[in-house]
Amino acid sequence: MRTDIEVDCRELEAPEPLNLVVSKLPFLNATNRLKMLHRLKPQMLLNILNENNFKYEIVEDDEMFQIFIWKE
């Protein structure tokens, strides 16, 4: 079971959410994952994650996106 590191970006303006999450990526390992809360789907971040072999899952509801990011 992984521990979630939660980052709430719903009130932040661009590029703060991207910069904040990218700064935390080096700290991800087999025991944790990042849980990003955002009001928009962060397409630029998803491109970075794909380019750097991070795994992610997006859960969308009426109010926000939850993006779970991990490294295998």
PDB file of N, CA and C in Angstrom:
ATOM      1  N   MET A   1       0.832  -1.186   0.000  1.00  0.00           N
ATOM      2  CA  MET A   1       0.000   0.000   0.000  1.00  0.00           C
ATOM      3  C   MET A   1       0.875   1.247   0.000  1.00  0.00           C
ATOM      4  N   ARG A   2       0.567   2.160  -0.887  1.00  0.00           N
ATOM      5  CA  ARG A   2       1.343   3.393  -1.005  1.00  0.00           C
ATOM      6  C   ARG A   2       0.734   4.498  -0.129  1.00  0.00           C
ATOM      7  N   THR A   3       1.582   5.370   0.353  1.00  0.00           N
ATOM      8  CA  THR A   3       1.157   6.542   1.100  1.00  0.00           C
ATOM      9  C   THR A   3       0.970   7.692   0.124  1.00  0.00           C
ATOM     10  N   ASP A   4      -0.138   8.426   0.262  1.00  0.00           N
ATOM     11  CA  ASP A   4      -0.391   9.566  -0.618  1.00  0.00           C
ATOM     12  C   ASP A   4       0.233  10.842  -0.062  1.00  0.00           C
ATOM     13  N   ILE A   5       0.889  11.575  -0.956  1.00  0.00           N
ATOM     14  CA  ILE A   5       1.360  12.927  -0.670  1.00  0.00           C
ATOM     15  C   ILE A   5       0.381  13.838  -1.406  1.00  0.00           C
ATOM     16  N   GLU A   6      -0.470  14.541  -0.665  1.00  0.00           N
ATOM     17  CA  GLU A   6      -1.522  15.329  -1.304  1.00  0.00           C
ATOM     18  C   GLU A   6      -1.059  16.753  -1.582  1.00  0.00           C
ATOM     19  N   VAL A   7      -1.340  17.202  -2.804  1.00  0.00           N
ATOM     20  CA  VAL A   7      -1.037  18.566  -3.225  1.00  0.00           C
ATOM     21  C   VAL A   7      -2.317  19.164  -3.794  1.00  0.00           C
ATOM     22  N   ASP A   8      -2.852  20.163  -3.112  1.00  0.00           N
ATOM     23  CA  ASP A   8      -4.090  20.807  -3.544  1.00  0.00           C
ATOM     24  C   ASP A   8      -3.754  22.034  -4.383  1.00  0.00           C
ATOM     25  N   CYS A   9      -4.023  21.953  -5.671  1.00  0.00           N
ATOM     26  CA  CYS A   9      -3.680  23.026  -6.610  1.00  0.00           C
ATOM     27  C   CYS A   9      -4.915  23.765  -7.119  1.00  0.00           C
ATOM     28  N   ARG A  10      -6.050  23.502  -6.541  1.00  0.00           N
ATOM     29  CA  ARG A  10      -7.301  24.060  -7.070  1.00  0.00           C
ATOM     30  C   ARG A  10      -7.347  25.573  -7.056  1.00  0.00           C
ATOM     31  N   GLU A  11      -6.660  26.200  -6.121  1.00  0.00           N
ATOM     32  CA  GLU A  11      -6.702  27.660  -6.029  1.00  0.00           C
ATOM     33  C   GLU A  11      -5.462  28.333  -6.623  1.00  0.00           C
ATOM     34  N   LEU A  12      -4.543  27.554  -7.136  1.00  0.00           N
ATOM     35  CA  LEU A  12      -3.301  28.120  -7.681  1.00  0.00           C
ATOM     36  C   LEU A  12      -3.470  28.495  -9.152  1.00  0.00           C
ATOM     37  N   GLU A  13      -2.762  29.527  -9.552  1.00  0.00           N
ATOM     38  CA  GLU A  13      -2.765  29.964 -10.946  1.00  0.00           C
ATOM     39  C   GLU A  13      -1.545  29.393 -11.660  1.00  0.00           C
ATOM     40  N   ALA A  14      -1.694  29.176 -12.951  1.00  0.00           N
ATOM     41  CA  ALA A  14      -0.580  28.669 -13.770  1.00  0.00           C
ATOM     42  C   ALA A  14       0.582  29.659 -13.720  1.00  0.00           C
ATOM     43  N   PRO A  15       1.791  29.174 -13.669  1.00  0.00           N
ATOM     44  CA  PRO A  15       2.274  27.792 -13.762  1.00  0.00           C
ATOM     45  C   PRO A  15       2.550  27.147 -12.398  1.00  0.00           C
ATOM     46  N   GLU A  16       2.006  27.719 -11.322  1.00  0.00           N
ATOM     47  CA  GLU A  16       2.291  27.204  -9.981  1.00  0.00           C
ATOM     48  C   GLU A  16       1.974  25.715  -9.804  1.00  0.00           C
ATOM     49  N   PRO A  17       0.815  25.206 -10.246  1.00  0.00           N
ATOM     50  CA  PRO A  17       0.558  23.775 -10.056  1.00  0.00           C
ATOM     51  C   PRO A  17       1.595  22.884 -10.738  1.00  0.00           C
ATOM     52  N   LEU A  18       1.937  23.222 -11.954  1.00  0.00           N
ATOM     53  CA  LEU A  18       2.934  22.439 -12.687  1.00  0.00           C
ATOM     54  C   LEU A  18       4.275  22.468 -11.956  1.00  0.00           C
ATOM     55  N   ASN A  19       4.726  23.648 -11.577  1.00  0.00           N
ATOM     56  CA  ASN A  19       6.014  23.775 -10.894  1.00  0.00           C
ATOM     57  C   ASN A  19       6.026  23.037  -9.559  1.00  0.00           C
ATOM     58  N   LEU A  20       4.943  23.130  -8.818  1.00  0.00           N
ATOM     59  CA  LEU A  20       4.857  22.477  -7.519  1.00  0.00           C
ATOM     60  C   LEU A  20       4.934  20.958  -7.658  1.00  0.00           C
ATOM     61  N   VAL A  21       4.172  20.403  -8.572  1.00  0.00           N
ATOM     62  CA  VAL A  21       4.153  18.948  -8.741  1.00  0.00           C
ATOM     63  C   VAL A  21       5.481  18.451  -9.298  1.00  0.00           C
ATOM     64  N   VAL A  22       6.028  19.129 -10.282  1.00  0.00           N
ATOM     65  CA  VAL A  22       7.316  18.705 -10.860  1.00  0.00           C
ATOM     66  C   VAL A  22       8.411  18.721  -9.794  1.00  0.00           C
ATOM     67  N   SER A  23       8.356  19.673  -8.862  1.00  0.00           N
ATOM     68  CA  SER A  23       9.373  19.734  -7.805  1.00  0.00           C
ATOM     69  C   SER A  23       9.277  18.552  -6.848  1.00  0.00           C
ATOM     70  N   LYS A  24       8.126  17.903  -6.778  1.00  0.00           N
ATOM     71  CA  LYS A  24       7.937  16.764  -5.877  1.00  0.00           C
ATOM     72  C   LYS A  24       8.204  15.411  -6.548  1.00  0.00           C
ATOM     73  N   LEU A  25       8.283  15.363  -7.855  1.00  0.00           N
ATOM     74  CA  LEU A  25       8.473  14.094  -8.559  1.00  0.00           C
ATOM     75  C   LEU A  25       9.715  13.324  -8.134  1.00  0.00           C
ATOM     76  N   PRO A  26      10.851  13.986  -7.885  1.00  0.00           N
ATOM     77  CA  PRO A  26      12.043  13.215  -7.487  1.00  0.00           C
ATOM     78  C   PRO A  26      11.882  12.468  -6.163  1.00  0.00           C
ATOM     79  N   PHE A  27      10.889  12.829  -5.361  1.00  0.00           N
ATOM     80  CA  PHE A  27      10.696  12.203  -4.060  1.00  0.00           C
ATOM     81  C   PHE A  27       9.764  10.993  -4.102  1.00  0.00           C
ATOM     82  N   LEU A  28       9.223  10.690  -5.273  1.00  0.00           N
ATOM     83  CA  LEU A  28       8.330   9.540  -5.393  1.00  0.00           C
ATOM     84  C   LEU A  28       9.142   8.260  -5.496  1.00  0.00           C
ATOM     85  N   ASN A  29       8.653   7.221  -4.808  1.00  0.00           N
ATOM     86  CA  ASN A  29       9.341   5.937  -4.820  1.00  0.00           C
ATOM     87  C   ASN A  29       8.312   4.818  -4.715  1.00  0.00           C
ATOM     88  N   ALA A  30       8.745   3.635  -4.398  1.00  0.00           N
ATOM     89  CA  ALA A  30       7.858   2.472  -4.378  1.00  0.00           C
ATOM     90  C   ALA A  30       6.851   2.503  -3.232  1.00  0.00           C
ATOM     91  N   THR A  31       7.039   3.382  -2.253  1.00  0.00           N
ATOM     92  CA  THR A  31       6.154   3.398  -1.087  1.00  0.00           C
ATOM     93  C   THR A  31       5.183   4.569  -1.052  1.00  0.00           C
ATOM     94  N   ASN A  32       5.267   5.479  -2.008  1.00  0.00           N
ATOM     95  CA  ASN A  32       4.362   6.624  -1.978  1.00  0.00           C
ATOM     96  C   ASN A  32       3.897   7.004  -3.377  1.00  0.00           C
ATOM     97  N   ARG A  33       2.944   7.898  -3.421  1.00  0.00           N
ATOM     98  CA  ARG A  33       2.478   8.460  -4.683  1.00  0.00           C
ATOM     99  C   ARG A  33       1.966   9.862  -4.399  1.00  0.00           C
ATOM    100  N   LEU A  34       1.882  10.655  -5.434  1.00  0.00           N
ATOM    101  CA  LEU A  34       1.407  12.029  -5.321  1.00  0.00           C
ATOM    102  C   LEU A  34      -0.068  12.063  -5.705  1.00  0.00           C
ATOM    103  N   LYS A  35      -0.852  12.739  -4.906  1.00  0.00           N
ATOM    104  CA  LYS A  35      -2.269  12.942  -5.202  1.00  0.00           C
ATOM    105  C   LYS A  35      -2.466  14.438  -5.423  1.00  0.00           C
ATOM    106  N   MET A  36      -2.669  14.806  -6.679  1.00  0.00           N
ATOM    107  CA  MET A  36      -2.847  16.209  -7.057  1.00  0.00           C
ATOM    108  C   MET A  36      -4.337  16.497  -7.221  1.00  0.00           C
ATOM    109  N   LEU A  37      -4.805  17.551  -6.567  1.00  0.00           N
ATOM    110  CA  LEU A  37      -6.177  18.020  -6.732  1.00  0.00           C
ATOM    111  C   LEU A  37      -6.132  19.268  -7.593  1.00  0.00           C
ATOM    112  N   HIS A  38      -6.915  19.281  -8.667  1.00  0.00           N
ATOM    113  CA  HIS A  38      -6.854  20.409  -9.603  1.00  0.00           C
ATOM    114  C   HIS A  38      -8.238  20.623 -10.207  1.00  0.00           C
ATOM    115  N   ARG A  39      -8.521  21.862 -10.566  1.00  0.00           N
ATOM    116  CA  ARG A  39      -9.818  22.171 -11.180  1.00  0.00           C
ATOM    117  C   ARG A  39      -9.821  21.909 -12.683  1.00  0.00           C
ATOM    118  N   LEU A  40      -8.627  21.739 -13.271  1.00  0.00           N
ATOM    119  CA  LEU A  40      -8.479  21.488 -14.706  1.00  0.00           C
ATOM    120  C   LEU A  40      -7.649  20.222 -14.924  1.00  0.00           C
ATOM    121  N   LYS A  41      -7.767  19.658 -16.103  1.00  0.00           N
ATOM    122  CA  LYS A  41      -6.904  18.529 -16.460  1.00  0.00           C
ATOM    123  C   LYS A  41      -5.549  19.090 -16.874  1.00  0.00           C
ATOM    124  N   PRO A  42      -4.477  18.760 -16.159  1.00  0.00           N
ATOM    125  CA  PRO A  42      -3.159  19.375 -16.399  1.00  0.00           C
ATOM    126  C   PRO A  42      -2.406  18.716 -17.562  1.00  0.00           C
ATOM    127  N   GLN A  43      -2.774  19.058 -18.771  1.00  0.00           N
ATOM    128  CA  GLN A  43      -2.221  18.390 -19.952  1.00  0.00           C
ATOM    129  C   GLN A  43      -0.700  18.520 -20.054  1.00  0.00           C
ATOM    130  N   MET A  44      -0.159  19.692 -19.748  1.00  0.00           N
ATOM    131  CA  MET A  44       1.306  19.851 -19.810  1.00  0.00           C
ATOM    132  C   MET A  44       1.998  18.911 -18.825  1.00  0.00           C
ATOM    133  N   LEU A  45       1.433  18.755 -17.647  1.00  0.00           N
ATOM    134  CA  LEU A  45       1.999  17.841 -16.660  1.00  0.00           C
ATOM    135  C   LEU A  45       1.941  16.408 -17.168  1.00  0.00           C
ATOM    136  N   LEU A  46       0.846  16.036 -17.774  1.00  0.00           N
ATOM    137  CA  LEU A  46       0.718  14.663 -18.282  1.00  0.00           C
ATOM    138  C   LEU A  46       1.781  14.365 -19.327  1.00  0.00           C
ATOM    139  N   ASN A  47       2.090  15.337 -20.160  1.00  0.00           N
ATOM    140  CA  ASN A  47       3.166  15.163 -21.147  1.00  0.00           C
ATOM    141  C   ASN A  47       4.505  14.920 -20.457  1.00  0.00           C
ATOM    142  N   ILE A  48       4.774  15.683 -19.411  1.00  0.00           N
ATOM    143  CA  ILE A  48       6.037  15.521 -18.658  1.00  0.00           C
ATOM    144  C   ILE A  48       6.087  14.143 -18.008  1.00  0.00           C
ATOM    145  N   LEU A  49       4.970  13.723 -17.439  1.00  0.00           N
ATOM    146  CA  LEU A  49       4.929  12.409 -16.797  1.00  0.00           C
ATOM    147  C   LEU A  49       5.190  11.293 -17.806  1.00  0.00           C
ATOM    148  N   ASN A  50       4.578  11.388 -18.960  1.00  0.00           N
ATOM    149  CA  ASN A  50       4.796  10.380 -20.007  1.00  0.00           C
ATOM    150  C   ASN A  50       6.241  10.350 -20.464  1.00  0.00           C
ATOM    151  N   GLU A  51       6.842  11.508 -20.645  1.00  0.00           N
ATOM    152  CA  GLU A  51       8.222  11.592 -21.114  1.00  0.00           C
ATOM    153  C   GLU A  51       9.217  11.026 -20.099  1.00  0.00           C
ATOM    154  N   ASN A  52       8.824  11.033 -18.812  1.00  0.00           N
ATOM    155  CA  ASN A  52       9.737  10.602 -17.749  1.00  0.00           C
ATOM    156  C   ASN A  52       9.316   9.299 -17.083  1.00  0.00           C
ATOM    157  N   ASN A  53       8.476   8.538 -17.764  1.00  0.00           N
ATOM    158  CA  ASN A  53       8.083   7.195 -17.328  1.00  0.00           C
ATOM    159  C   ASN A  53       7.404   7.133 -15.961  1.00  0.00           C
ATOM    160  N   PHE A  54       6.623   8.155 -15.641  1.00  0.00           N
ATOM    161  CA  PHE A  54       5.791   8.100 -14.448  1.00  0.00           C
ATOM    162  C   PHE A  54       4.449   7.501 -14.838  1.00  0.00           C
ATOM    163  N   LYS A  55       3.834   6.822 -13.912  1.00  0.00           N
ATOM    164  CA  LYS A  55       2.498   6.280 -14.094  1.00  0.00           C
ATOM    165  C   LYS A  55       1.513   7.259 -13.465  1.00  0.00           C
ATOM    166  N   TYR A  56       0.297   7.305 -14.006  1.00  0.00           N
ATOM    167  CA  TYR A  56      -0.710   8.162 -13.396  1.00  0.00           C
ATOM    168  C   TYR A  56      -2.104   7.638 -13.692  1.00  0.00           C
ATOM    169  N   GLU A  57      -3.025   8.059 -12.843  1.00  0.00           N
ATOM    170  CA  GLU A  57      -4.435   7.751 -13.007  1.00  0.00           C
ATOM    171  C   GLU A  57      -5.201   9.042 -12.737  1.00  0.00           C
ATOM    172  N   ILE A  58      -6.204   9.315 -13.557  1.00  0.00           N
ATOM    173  CA  ILE A  58      -7.009  10.524 -13.400  1.00  0.00           C
ATOM    174  C   ILE A  58      -8.420  10.124 -13.012  1.00  0.00           C
ATOM    175  N   VAL A  59      -8.908  10.734 -11.934  1.00  0.00           N
ATOM    176  CA  VAL A  59     -10.276  10.541 -11.483  1.00  0.00           C
ATOM    177  C   VAL A  59     -10.956  11.899 -11.556  1.00  0.00           C
ATOM    178  N   GLU A  60     -12.021  11.970 -12.336  1.00  0.00           N
ATOM    179  CA  GLU A  60     -12.719  13.243 -12.545  1.00  0.00           C
ATOM    180  C   GLU A  60     -14.102  13.173 -11.914  1.00  0.00           C
ATOM    181  N   ASP A  61     -14.462  14.232 -11.199  1.00  0.00           N
ATOM    182  CA  ASP A  61     -15.839  14.365 -10.741  1.00  0.00           C
ATOM    183  C   ASP A  61     -16.330  15.760 -11.123  1.00  0.00           C
ATOM    184  N   ASP A  62     -17.470  16.151 -10.636  1.00  0.00           N
ATOM    185  CA  ASP A  62     -18.063  17.427 -11.042  1.00  0.00           C
ATOM    186  C   ASP A  62     -17.261  18.645 -10.620  1.00  0.00           C
ATOM    187  N   GLU A  63     -16.488  18.520  -9.565  1.00  0.00           N
ATOM    188  CA  GLU A  63     -15.809  19.674  -8.990  1.00  0.00           C
ATOM    189  C   GLU A  63     -14.320  19.741  -9.257  1.00  0.00           C
ATOM    190  N   MET A  64     -13.678  18.598  -9.542  1.00  0.00           N
ATOM    191  CA  MET A  64     -12.225  18.616  -9.669  1.00  0.00           C
ATOM    192  C   MET A  64     -11.698  17.349 -10.341  1.00  0.00           C
ATOM    193  N   PHE A  65     -10.423  17.426 -10.639  1.00  0.00           N
ATOM    194  CA  PHE A  65      -9.663  16.271 -11.107  1.00  0.00           C
ATOM    195  C   PHE A  65      -8.759  15.828  -9.959  1.00  0.00           C
ATOM    196  N   GLN A  66      -8.660  14.529  -9.761  1.00  0.00           N
ATOM    197  CA  GLN A  66      -7.664  13.957  -8.868  1.00  0.00           C
ATOM    198  C   GLN A  66      -6.693  13.193  -9.755  1.00  0.00           C
ATOM    199  N   ILE A  67      -5.434  13.575  -9.685  1.00  0.00           N
ATOM    200  CA  ILE A  67      -4.415  12.921 -10.481  1.00  0.00           C
ATOM    201  C   ILE A  67      -3.463  12.202  -9.519  1.00  0.00           C
ATOM    202  N   PHE A  68      -3.407  10.890  -9.619  1.00  0.00           N
ATOM    203  CA  PHE A  68      -2.528  10.080  -8.800  1.00  0.00           C
ATOM    204  C   PHE A  68      -1.293   9.764  -9.640  1.00  0.00           C
ATOM    205  N   ILE A  69      -0.119  10.060  -9.100  1.00  0.00           N
ATOM    206  CA  ILE A  69       1.142   9.908  -9.833  1.00  0.00           C
ATOM    207  C   ILE A  69       2.078   9.034  -9.013  1.00  0.00           C
ATOM    208  N   TRP A  70       2.723   8.063  -9.684  1.00  0.00           N
ATOM    209  CA  TRP A  70       3.667   7.210  -8.989  1.00  0.00           C
ATOM    210  C   TRP A  70       4.753   6.748  -9.931  1.00  0.00           C
ATOM    211  N   LYS A  71       5.793   6.214  -9.323  1.00  0.00           N
ATOM    212  CA  LYS A  71       6.927   5.634 -10.048  1.00  0.00           C
ATOM    213  C   LYS A  71       6.990   4.170  -9.674  1.00  0.00           C
ATOM    214  N   GLU A  72       7.164   3.293 -10.652  1.00  0.00           N
ATOM    215  CA  GLU A  72       7.246   1.860 -10.340  1.00  0.00           C
ATOM    216  C   GLU A  72       8.666   1.435 -10.087  1.00  0.00           C
TER     217      GLU A  72
END
